[in-house]
Amino acid sequence: METNHINQSPIDLESFIRGLKTEDERNLKMMQNMQNFIWGVATIYSLISIFNVFLQVPWYKSFGAFILLLVFIGYGLRSRIYKRKMEPIDYGIPTIEMLKKAAYRYRLQIFRGNVIIEITLILLVDIGICLMLYGTIFSFLFIQGFFVFVSAVTFLVGYIMWKKRQKPLREYALNLLKEIQS
């Protein structure tokens, strides 16, 4: 079942729950893949940091690699915490509670959790990359432009995915809640 059809025709609660389960399974799988990627990149930056010491590269490049290692460890831990919060989804709870949790789970989450931590990690990625690729002012400006572009594309892709797959589930849950409670 595709979640896009929720707005197009009325469906029963069983179909809605199947749609929730499908989306929840997809999110958990995506989160696991992201965790594997993050820990893989953290391992690579660990090796880069070690090799930088032996290769006697400038201190700022080693420090940049170390900052990126810390950032990926931070993202890895945050994604692990987020995944653990997502895993114990119970569909056998009372309908009103299940609908409230579904509506909350599928709200637009520009930043999950603490915004200050998210912004700090993003800025540290930028600092780490700038230190590793330090050169002329042109390279600095190029890095900033590329970083802003990648960040914007990432946000846009996430927003489109939310709007296509999760927003209809959220809206349907909120409409059902409104009907049940009135």
Protein backbone atom coordinates (compact mmCIF):
# COMPACT_ATOMS: atom_id res chain seq x y z
CA MET A 1 0.00 0.00 0.00
CA GLU A 2 1.32 3.41 -0.86
CA THR A 3 0.67 6.14 1.64
CA ASN A 4 -0.11 8.59 -1.16
CA HIS A 5 -3.57 7.08 -1.59
CA ILE A 6 -4.67 8.07 1.92
CA ASN A 7 -5.78 11.53 0.82
CA GLN A 8 -7.42 10.27 -2.34
CA SER A 9 -9.98 7.84 -0.91
CA PRO A 10 -11.31 6.95 2.51
CA ILE A 11 -9.71 3.81 3.93
CA ASP A 12 -10.32 1.75 6.99
CA LEU A 13 -8.22 1.66 10.14
CA GLU A 14 -6.63 -1.68 9.20
CA SER A 15 -5.25 -0.26 5.95
CA PHE A 16 -4.02 2.80 7.80
CA ILE A 17 -2.20 0.63 10.36
CA ARG A 18 -0.63 -1.41 7.54
CA GLY A 19 0.57 1.87 6.02
CA LEU A 20 2.02 2.92 9.38
CA LYS A 21 3.80 -0.42 9.79
CA THR A 22 5.24 -0.20 6.27
CA GLU A 23 6.54 3.33 6.83
CA ASP A 24 7.89 2.48 10.30
CA GLU A 25 9.75 -0.55 8.90
CA ARG A 26 11.14 1.59 6.07
CA ASN A 27 12.31 4.25 8.55
CA LEU A 28 13.96 1.69 10.83
CA LYS A 29 15.76 0.09 7.87
CA MET A 30 16.89 3.51 6.60
CA MET A 31 18.09 4.42 10.11
CA GLN A 32 20.08 1.16 10.35
CA ASN A 33 21.68 1.80 6.94
CA MET A 34 22.52 5.35 8.00
CA GLN A 35 24.08 4.07 11.22
CA ASN A 36 26.23 1.60 9.28
CA PHE A 37 27.34 4.39 6.95
CA ILE A 38 28.13 6.76 9.84
CA TRP A 39 30.17 4.15 11.73
CA GLY A 40 32.00 3.25 8.49
CA VAL A 41 32.92 6.89 7.89
CA ALA A 42 33.96 7.25 11.54
CA THR A 43 36.28 4.27 11.06
CA ILE A 44 37.77 5.87 7.94
CA TYR A 45 38.38 9.15 9.77
CA SER A 46 39.97 7.23 12.64
CA LEU A 47 42.42 5.72 10.18
CA ILE A 48 43.02 9.10 8.53
CA SER A 49 43.75 10.66 11.93
CA ILE A 50 46.23 7.88 12.77
CA PHE A 51 47.95 8.08 9.37
CA ASN A 52 48.16 11.87 9.63
CA VAL A 53 50.24 11.52 12.79
CA PHE A 54 52.69 9.16 11.06
CA LEU A 55 52.81 11.13 7.82
CA GLN A 56 53.51 14.35 9.70
CA VAL A 57 50.89 16.40 7.88
CA PRO A 58 50.25 19.93 9.15
CA TRP A 59 48.54 20.02 12.54
CA TYR A 60 45.41 21.75 11.21
CA LYS A 61 44.72 18.92 8.73
CA SER A 62 45.09 16.33 11.48
CA PHE A 63 42.88 18.42 13.74
CA GLY A 64 40.27 18.72 10.95
CA ALA A 65 40.19 14.93 10.53
CA PHE A 66 39.88 14.53 14.31
CA ILE A 67 36.97 17.01 14.42
CA LEU A 68 35.20 15.06 11.65
CA LEU A 69 35.80 11.82 13.57
CA LEU A 70 34.16 13.34 16.66
CA VAL A 71 31.24 14.63 14.57
CA PHE A 72 30.57 11.23 13.04
CA ILE A 73 30.76 9.59 16.45
CA GLY A 74 28.26 12.21 17.67
CA TYR A 75 25.93 11.54 14.74
CA GLY A 76 26.31 7.79 15.25
CA LEU A 77 25.32 8.05 18.90
CA ARG A 78 22.39 10.38 18.11
CA SER A 79 21.09 8.06 15.41
CA ARG A 80 21.40 5.07 17.77
CA ILE A 81 19.36 6.92 20.41
CA TYR A 82 16.75 7.95 17.83
CA LYS A 83 16.51 4.38 16.48
CA ARG A 84 16.00 2.99 19.98
CA LYS A 85 13.14 5.44 20.50
CA MET A 86 11.57 4.29 17.21
CA GLU A 87 11.88 0.53 17.72
CA PRO A 88 9.32 -0.19 20.44
CA ILE A 89 6.30 0.79 18.33
CA ASP A 90 3.17 -0.88 19.69
CA TYR A 91 0.13 -1.06 17.42
CA GLY A 92 -1.97 -2.86 20.03
CA ILE A 93 -2.46 0.20 22.24
CA PRO A 94 -5.79 2.06 22.35
CA THR A 95 -6.67 3.73 19.05
CA ILE A 96 -6.55 7.33 20.31
CA GLU A 97 -3.11 6.84 21.85
CA MET A 98 -1.82 5.08 18.71
CA LEU A 99 -3.10 7.92 16.50
CA LYS A 100 -1.50 10.57 18.75
CA LYS A 101 1.83 8.74 18.65
CA ALA A 102 1.63 8.31 14.86
CA ALA A 103 0.84 12.01 14.37
CA TYR A 104 3.75 12.95 16.64
CA ARG A 105 6.14 10.48 14.99
CA TYR A 106 5.39 11.78 11.50
CA ARG A 107 5.49 15.49 12.18
CA LEU A 108 8.01 17.46 10.12
CA GLN A 109 11.25 17.12 12.02
CA ILE A 110 13.70 19.60 10.61
CA PHE A 111 15.88 18.95 13.63
CA ARG A 112 15.35 15.86 15.74
CA GLY A 113 15.92 16.56 19.38
CA ASN A 114 18.09 19.37 20.60
CA VAL A 115 18.57 22.03 17.91
CA ILE A 116 21.75 23.36 19.52
CA ILE A 117 23.43 19.95 19.25
CA GLU A 118 22.38 19.59 15.60
CA ILE A 119 23.65 23.05 14.64
CA THR A 120 26.90 22.45 16.55
CA LEU A 121 27.52 19.18 14.69
CA ILE A 122 26.81 20.83 11.32
CA LEU A 123 29.21 23.70 12.10
CA LEU A 124 31.87 21.24 13.28
CA VAL A 125 31.59 19.34 9.98
CA ASP A 126 32.18 22.62 8.15
CA ILE A 127 35.16 23.51 10.36
CA GLY A 128 36.66 20.03 10.00
CA ILE A 129 36.37 20.07 6.22
CA CYS A 130 37.83 23.58 6.02
CA LEU A 131 40.81 22.58 8.15
CA MET A 132 41.45 19.40 6.17
CA LEU A 133 41.28 21.20 2.83
CA TYR A 134 42.88 24.45 4.01
CA GLY A 135 44.47 26.46 1.22
CA THR A 136 43.65 29.75 -0.43
CA ILE A 137 40.60 31.96 0.13
CA PHE A 138 39.21 30.53 -3.12
CA SER A 139 39.30 26.99 -1.74
CA PHE A 140 37.63 28.22 1.46
CA LEU A 141 34.84 29.90 -0.51
CA PHE A 142 34.46 26.83 -2.74
CA ILE A 143 34.16 24.58 0.33
CA GLN A 144 31.54 26.89 1.86
CA GLY A 145 29.53 27.02 -1.37
CA PHE A 146 29.66 23.25 -1.80
CA PHE A 147 28.75 22.69 1.86
CA VAL A 148 25.72 25.02 1.61
CA PHE A 149 24.65 23.34 -1.65
CA VAL A 150 24.89 19.82 -0.20
CA SER A 151 23.05 20.92 2.96
CA ALA A 152 20.25 22.49 0.90
CA VAL A 153 19.88 19.41 -1.33
CA THR A 154 19.84 17.14 1.73
CA PHE A 155 17.13 19.25 3.36
CA LEU A 156 15.10 19.35 0.14
CA VAL A 157 15.26 15.57 -0.37
CA GLY A 158 14.24 14.99 3.25
CA TYR A 159 11.34 17.41 2.93
CA ILE A 160 10.10 15.80 -0.30
CA MET A 161 10.29 12.33 1.28
CA TRP A 162 8.34 13.56 4.31
CA LYS A 163 5.71 15.30 2.19
CA LYS A 164 5.21 12.29 -0.07
CA ARG A 165 5.27 9.43 2.45
CA GLN A 166 4.78 10.68 5.98
CA LYS A 167 2.65 13.81 5.79
CA PRO A 168 -0.37 11.88 4.45
CA LEU A 169 -0.09 9.44 7.37
CA ARG A 170 0.12 12.31 9.84
CA GLU A 171 -2.85 14.13 8.31
CA TYR A 172 -4.96 10.98 8.27
CA ALA A 173 -4.10 10.26 11.92
CA LEU A 174 -4.99 13.83 12.90
CA ASN A 175 -8.29 13.66 10.97
CA LEU A 176 -9.20 10.35 12.61
CA LEU A 177 -8.34 11.80 16.00
CA LYS A 178 -10.53 14.82 15.34
CA GLU A 179 -13.43 12.58 14.26
CA ILE A 180 -13.08 10.27 17.26
CA GLN A 181 -12.79 13.08 19.78
CA SER A 182 -15.72 15.12 18.44
